[in-house]
């Protein structure tokens, strides 16, 4: 099945209505690229098959209701670094669009976090010089990774892959985290379709939301909370808790970006509020360590956002420059390559024992 170029552009333009002003130029450039390349969405493309395989490989963890609804939807992956996902309602066959840019972002973030965890647990004493200052390798990689992360959203570049630094066990864990995070986005978009959000603004189940960060929640934003809840409830209860960290992986990059840039999308609630709301829906039975870990993640995101709130307010809501105060984008790429070379020469690969 194909989505023609003009229809694809129409739906990207529709998304631009939800974007904040600073993203309009970025979306306009994306649409211009689509017009010049004549890109179409093909359900048989390699990009589509990748996301379809992720869904099919998780068949056993999806509820029967969600599986039946997914069977009536065509899922398209689009080979474009544009970072977005959205549903297209239809009386015939509804569709879900996942752009590869979103998948690049998730993969990069998952690999980065796992690599950092392994570096920090290795008790490495060596340092690397960044802007004339000697920094521990894990700190240098963290700074570089987050600089690249913020620039990747704006410039649609494919982030550096880190998978080669990981051993077999770590790669398996990274793949699980990435694929479960990607599945969450598919189920989130399915939630919009299932709840009729794009047809008539219907809210199927009024949610009682108490934001972790003060925010006036309008109906559009409430729909995002509901789609998140739908996605979470579409996962079998028996495996919901173990994969909650992967759901956080799906959202954490955007929570980080909003700490420095404010809300990314006027039609969405703050990501940190989405993470907190999801955490409220998780029920832990005799799993105090998992409950504590999730609480720490939420508190960390909230504290970081609040800590920089005055600075954001004084600078019109955008303090992205703070991320590059200690490292330029060019130096970030160079640092990532240097750390990768260090890992290769000292460890071969990093892995869990």
Foldseek 3Di string as FASTA:
>chain_A
DKAWLVNVLVVLVVQLVFFDPVCNVLSVVVNVVSVVVRFMWDCPDPQNVVLVVLCVVQVVFFDPVLVVLVVQARETEGAFLQQDKAKADDPRGIYIYGYVVLLLLLLLLLLLVLVLVLLVVVPDPAFDAFPNDTDRLSVLLVLLSLQQLLVCNRPSDRDDHDLQQADDASNVVSVLLSSVLSLLSVQLNSLCRVQVCVPPLHDPDQDDADFLDDDDQDSLQSSSLRSNVRSLVRTHLVCSLVNLVSNCSNQVSQLVQCLAANDRTNSHDRSLRSLVSVLVPRDDDPPVVSNVVSVVVSVVSSVSSVVCVVVCVVVVRHRSVVSCPRHDNVSSVVSVVVSSVVSCVPPVHGYDD
